[in-house]
Amino acid sequence: MTAETADTADPAEDPAGAADPGERRREQHGWYFYDFACSVYSTSVLTVFLGRT
């Protein structure tokens, strides 16, 4: 993909290969849990370190 945006890109050129809706849903759920875990971790670490000052 060169200067195209994701909206105008050809769906056949899907780099993730997630043409199957079930596969796409599974991948999205994985990213949701990853994002949730990172948020919880960073919040916990900041609370502990900033709470000690």
PDB file of N, CA and C in Angstrom:
ATOM      1  N   MET A   1       0.851  -1.164   0.000  1.00  0.00           N
ATOM      2  CA  MET A   1       0.000   0.000   0.000  1.00  0.00           C
ATOM      3  C   MET A   1       0.899   1.230   0.000  1.00  0.00           C
ATOM      4  N   THR A   2       0.672   2.095  -0.909  1.00  0.00           N
ATOM      5  CA  THR A   2       1.527   3.272  -0.997  1.00  0.00           C
ATOM      6  C   THR A   2       0.881   4.458  -0.304  1.00  0.00           C
ATOM      7  N   ALA A   3       0.298   5.386  -1.052  1.00  0.00           N
ATOM      8  CA  ALA A   3      -0.277   6.591  -0.459  1.00  0.00           C
ATOM      9  C   ALA A   3      -1.774   6.439  -0.204  1.00  0.00           C
ATOM     10  N   GLU A   4      -2.282   5.232  -0.244  1.00  0.00           N
ATOM     11  CA  GLU A   4      -3.699   5.015  -0.008  1.00  0.00           C
ATOM     12  C   GLU A   4      -3.986   4.989   1.484  1.00  0.00           C
ATOM     13  N   THR A   5      -5.196   5.330   1.834  1.00  0.00           N
ATOM     14  CA  THR A   5      -5.603   5.190   3.224  1.00  0.00           C
ATOM     15  C   THR A   5      -6.257   3.834   3.400  1.00  0.00           C
ATOM     16  N   ALA A   6      -6.510   3.468   4.624  1.00  0.00           N
ATOM     17  CA  ALA A   6      -7.132   2.175   4.894  1.00  0.00           C
ATOM     18  C   ALA A   6      -8.544   2.117   4.330  1.00  0.00           C
ATOM     19  N   ASP A   7      -9.211   3.271   4.208  1.00  0.00           N
ATOM     20  CA  ASP A   7     -10.578   3.293   3.691  1.00  0.00           C
ATOM     21  C   ASP A   7     -10.632   2.996   2.196  1.00  0.00           C
ATOM     22  N   THR A   8      -9.598   3.385   1.461  1.00  0.00           N
ATOM     23  CA  THR A   8      -9.612   3.200   0.019  1.00  0.00           C
ATOM     24  C   THR A   8      -8.780   2.015  -0.425  1.00  0.00           C
ATOM     25  N   ALA A   9      -8.185   1.309   0.496  1.00  0.00           N
ATOM     26  CA  ALA A   9      -7.337   0.168   0.151  1.00  0.00           C
ATOM     27  C   ALA A   9      -8.182  -0.983  -0.372  1.00  0.00           C
ATOM     28  N   ASP A  10      -7.575  -1.778  -1.203  1.00  0.00           N
ATOM     29  CA  ASP A  10      -8.247  -2.946  -1.762  1.00  0.00           C
ATOM     30  C   ASP A  10      -8.376  -4.011  -0.679  1.00  0.00           C
ATOM     31  N   PRO A  11      -9.593  -4.506  -0.402  1.00  0.00           N
ATOM     32  CA  PRO A  11      -9.754  -5.519   0.648  1.00  0.00           C
ATOM     33  C   PRO A  11      -8.986  -6.802   0.360  1.00  0.00           C
ATOM     34  N   ALA A  12      -8.686  -7.054  -0.908  1.00  0.00           N
ATOM     35  CA  ALA A  12      -7.925  -8.262  -1.247  1.00  0.00           C
ATOM     36  C   ALA A  12      -6.491  -8.167  -0.766  1.00  0.00           C
ATOM     37  N   GLU A  13      -6.011  -6.956  -0.497  1.00  0.00           N
ATOM     38  CA  GLU A  13      -4.633  -6.759  -0.018  1.00  0.00           C
ATOM     39  C   GLU A  13      -4.575  -6.690   1.496  1.00  0.00           C
ATOM     40  N   ASP A  14      -5.411  -7.424   2.174  1.00  0.00           N
ATOM     41  CA  ASP A  14      -5.448  -7.399   3.638  1.00  0.00           C
ATOM     42  C   ASP A  14      -4.156  -8.004   4.178  1.00  0.00           C
ATOM     43  N   PRO A  15      -3.276  -7.198   4.787  1.00  0.00           N
ATOM     44  CA  PRO A  15      -1.982  -7.721   5.255  1.00  0.00           C
ATOM     45  C   PRO A  15      -2.119  -8.711   6.398  1.00  0.00           C
ATOM     46  N   ALA A  16      -3.165  -8.580   7.204  1.00  0.00           N
ATOM     47  CA  ALA A  16      -3.340  -9.498   8.321  1.00  0.00           C
ATOM     48  C   ALA A  16      -3.966 -10.808   7.872  1.00  0.00           C
ATOM     49  N   GLY A  17      -4.554 -10.831   6.683  1.00  0.00           N
ATOM     50  CA  GLY A  17      -5.184 -12.048   6.191  1.00  0.00           C
ATOM     51  C   GLY A  17      -6.469 -12.375   6.922  1.00  0.00           C
ATOM     52  N   ALA A  18      -7.125 -11.373   7.500  1.00  0.00           N
ATOM     53  CA  ALA A  18      -8.327 -11.601   8.295  1.00  0.00           C
ATOM     54  C   ALA A  18      -9.576 -11.409   7.447  1.00  0.00           C
ATOM     55  N   ALA A  19      -9.682 -12.152   6.359  1.00  0.00           N
ATOM     56  CA  ALA A  19     -10.852 -12.034   5.493  1.00  0.00           C
ATOM     57  C   ALA A  19     -12.066 -12.698   6.135  1.00  0.00           C
ATOM     58  N   ASP A  20     -11.838 -13.687   6.969  1.00  0.00           N
ATOM     59  CA  ASP A  20     -12.920 -14.394   7.640  1.00  0.00           C
ATOM     60  C   ASP A  20     -13.421 -13.553   8.813  1.00  0.00           C
ATOM     61  N   PRO A  21     -14.738 -13.293   8.892  1.00  0.00           N
ATOM     62  CA  PRO A  21     -15.259 -12.480  10.010  1.00  0.00           C
ATOM     63  C   PRO A  21     -14.980 -13.081  11.387  1.00  0.00           C
ATOM     64  N   GLY A  22     -14.999 -14.399  11.503  1.00  0.00           N
ATOM     65  CA  GLY A  22     -14.695 -15.033  12.782  1.00  0.00           C
ATOM     66  C   GLY A  22     -13.255 -14.810  13.199  1.00  0.00           C
ATOM     67  N   GLU A  23     -12.366 -14.857  12.215  1.00  0.00           N
ATOM     68  CA  GLU A  23     -10.946 -14.624  12.498  1.00  0.00           C
ATOM     69  C   GLU A  23     -10.717 -13.169  12.911  1.00  0.00           C
ATOM     70  N   ARG A  24     -11.411 -12.256  12.243  1.00  0.00           N
ATOM     71  CA  ARG A  24     -11.292 -10.841  12.571  1.00  0.00           C
ATOM     72  C   ARG A  24     -11.797 -10.587  13.988  1.00  0.00           C
ATOM     73  N   ARG A  25     -12.919 -11.180  14.351  1.00  0.00           N
ATOM     74  CA  ARG A  25     -13.486 -11.006  15.703  1.00  0.00           C
ATOM     75  C   ARG A  25     -12.522 -11.547  16.748  1.00  0.00           C
ATOM     76  N   ARG A  26     -11.930 -12.706  16.466  1.00  0.00           N
ATOM     77  CA  ARG A  26     -10.971 -13.310  17.407  1.00  0.00           C
ATOM     78  C   ARG A  26      -9.750 -12.418  17.593  1.00  0.00           C
ATOM     79  N   GLU A  27      -9.271 -11.854  16.478  1.00  0.00           N
ATOM     80  CA  GLU A  27      -8.110 -10.968  16.549  1.00  0.00           C
ATOM     81  C   GLU A  27      -8.448  -9.690  17.319  1.00  0.00           C
ATOM     82  N   GLN A  28      -9.635  -9.138  17.102  1.00  0.00           N
ATOM     83  CA  GLN A  28     -10.040  -7.938  17.828  1.00  0.00           C
ATOM     84  C   GLN A  28     -10.140  -8.213  19.322  1.00  0.00           C
ATOM     85  N   HIS A  29     -10.708  -9.345  19.698  1.00  0.00           N
ATOM     86  CA  HIS A  29     -10.809  -9.683  21.119  1.00  0.00           C
ATOM     87  C   HIS A  29      -9.427  -9.824  21.743  1.00  0.00           C
ATOM     88  N   GLY A  30      -8.502 -10.391  21.004  1.00  0.00           N
ATOM     89  CA  GLY A  30      -7.129 -10.493  21.500  1.00  0.00           C
ATOM     90  C   GLY A  30      -6.529  -9.126  21.774  1.00  0.00           C
ATOM     91  N   TRP A  31      -6.741  -8.186  20.854  1.00  0.00           N
ATOM     92  CA  TRP A  31      -6.231  -6.834  21.062  1.00  0.00           C
ATOM     93  C   TRP A  31      -6.946  -6.140  22.207  1.00  0.00           C
ATOM     94  N   TYR A  32      -8.252  -6.399  22.399  1.00  0.00           N
ATOM     95  CA  TYR A  32      -8.982  -5.804  23.520  1.00  0.00           C
ATOM     96  C   TYR A  32      -8.373  -6.245  24.849  1.00  0.00           C
ATOM     97  N   PHE A  33      -8.108  -7.544  24.978  1.00  0.00           N
ATOM     98  CA  PHE A  33      -7.538  -8.061  26.226  1.00  0.00           C
ATOM     99  C   PHE A  33      -6.109  -7.553  26.429  1.00  0.00           C
ATOM    100  N   TYR A  34      -5.353  -7.458  25.340  1.00  0.00           N
ATOM    101  CA  TYR A  34      -3.992  -6.934  25.428  1.00  0.00           C
ATOM    102  C   TYR A  34      -4.013  -5.485  25.919  1.00  0.00           C
ATOM    103  N   ASP A  35      -4.894  -4.679  25.331  1.00  0.00           N
ATOM    104  CA  ASP A  35      -4.994  -3.276  25.723  1.00  0.00           C
ATOM    105  C   ASP A  35      -5.446  -3.147  27.168  1.00  0.00           C
ATOM    106  N   PHE A  36      -6.416  -3.965  27.578  1.00  0.00           N
ATOM    107  CA  PHE A  36      -6.892  -3.941  28.960  1.00  0.00           C
ATOM    108  C   PHE A  36      -5.760  -4.290  29.923  1.00  0.00           C
ATOM    109  N   ALA A  37      -4.999  -5.341  29.597  1.00  0.00           N
ATOM    110  CA  ALA A  37      -3.910  -5.763  30.479  1.00  0.00           C
ATOM    111  C   ALA A  37      -2.831  -4.685  30.577  1.00  0.00           C
ATOM    112  N   CYS A  38      -2.503  -4.038  29.475  1.00  0.00           N
ATOM    113  CA  CYS A  38      -1.492  -2.975  29.508  1.00  0.00           C
ATOM    114  C   CYS A  38      -1.983  -1.788  30.332  1.00  0.00           C
ATOM    115  N   SER A  39      -3.265  -1.478  30.209  1.00  0.00           N
ATOM    116  CA  SER A  39      -3.814  -0.363  30.977  1.00  0.00           C
ATOM    117  C   SER A  39      -3.791  -0.660  32.470  1.00  0.00           C
ATOM    118  N   VAL A  40      -4.167  -1.859  32.838  1.00  0.00           N
ATOM    119  CA  VAL A  40      -4.162  -2.240  34.257  1.00  0.00           C
ATOM    120  C   VAL A  40      -2.739  -2.222  34.798  1.00  0.00           C
ATOM    121  N   TYR A  41      -1.804  -2.748  34.044  1.00  0.00           N
ATOM    122  CA  TYR A  41      -0.410  -2.785  34.486  1.00  0.00           C
ATOM    123  C   TYR A  41       0.137  -1.376  34.690  1.00  0.00           C
ATOM    124  N   SER A  42      -0.048  -0.513  33.696  1.00  0.00           N
ATOM    125  CA  SER A  42       0.519   0.837  33.818  1.00  0.00           C
ATOM    126  C   SER A  42      -0.159   1.618  34.947  1.00  0.00           C
ATOM    127  N   THR A  43      -1.462   1.440  35.111  1.00  0.00           N
ATOM    128  CA  THR A  43      -2.165   2.116  36.205  1.00  0.00           C
ATOM    129  C   THR A  43      -1.650   1.629  37.557  1.00  0.00           C
ATOM    130  N   SER A  44      -1.462   0.331  37.683  1.00  0.00           N
ATOM    131  CA  SER A  44      -0.969  -0.229  38.945  1.00  0.00           C
ATOM    132  C   SER A  44       0.443   0.246  39.260  1.00  0.00           C
ATOM    133  N   VAL A  45       1.302   0.226  38.271  1.00  0.00           N
ATOM    134  CA  VAL A  45       2.688   0.646  38.484  1.00  0.00           C
ATOM    135  C   VAL A  45       2.750   2.123  38.846  1.00  0.00           C
ATOM    136  N   LEU A  46       2.010   2.956  38.124  1.00  0.00           N
ATOM    137  CA  LEU A  46       2.014   4.384  38.435  1.00  0.00           C
ATOM    138  C   LEU A  46       1.448   4.652  39.826  1.00  0.00           C
ATOM    139  N   THR A  47       0.421   3.935  40.196  1.00  0.00           N
ATOM    140  CA  THR A  47      -0.171   4.121  41.528  1.00  0.00           C
ATOM    141  C   THR A  47       0.818   3.760  42.614  1.00  0.00           C
ATOM    142  N   VAL A  48       1.528   2.674  42.434  1.00  0.00           N
ATOM    143  CA  VAL A  48       2.495   2.234  43.443  1.00  0.00           C
ATOM    144  C   VAL A  48       3.661   3.219  43.541  1.00  0.00           C
ATOM    145  N   PHE A  49       4.232   3.604  42.389  1.00  0.00           N
ATOM    146  CA  PHE A  49       5.389   4.478  42.436  1.00  0.00           C
ATOM    147  C   PHE A  49       5.044   5.899  42.811  1.00  0.00           C
ATOM    148  N   LEU A  50       3.933   6.415  42.353  1.00  0.00           N
ATOM    149  CA  LEU A  50       3.555   7.791  42.703  1.00  0.00           C
ATOM    150  C   LEU A  50       2.937   7.851  44.093  1.00  0.00           C
ATOM    151  N   GLY A  51       2.408   6.741  44.546  1.00  0.00           N
ATOM    152  CA  GLY A  51       1.830   6.718  45.889  1.00  0.00           C
ATOM    153  C   GLY A  51       2.879   6.726  46.986  1.00  0.00           C
ATOM    154  N   ARG A  52       4.105   6.368  46.663  1.00  0.00           N
ATOM    155  CA  ARG A  52       5.166   6.306  47.656  1.00  0.00           C
ATOM    156  C   ARG A  52       5.864   7.643  47.854  1.00  0.00           C
ATOM    157  N   THR A  53       5.602   8.612  47.007  1.00  0.00           N
ATOM    158  CA  THR A  53       6.310   9.889  47.139  1.00  0.00           C
ATOM    159  C   THR A  53       5.601  10.833  48.067  1.00  0.00           C
TER     160      THR A  53
END
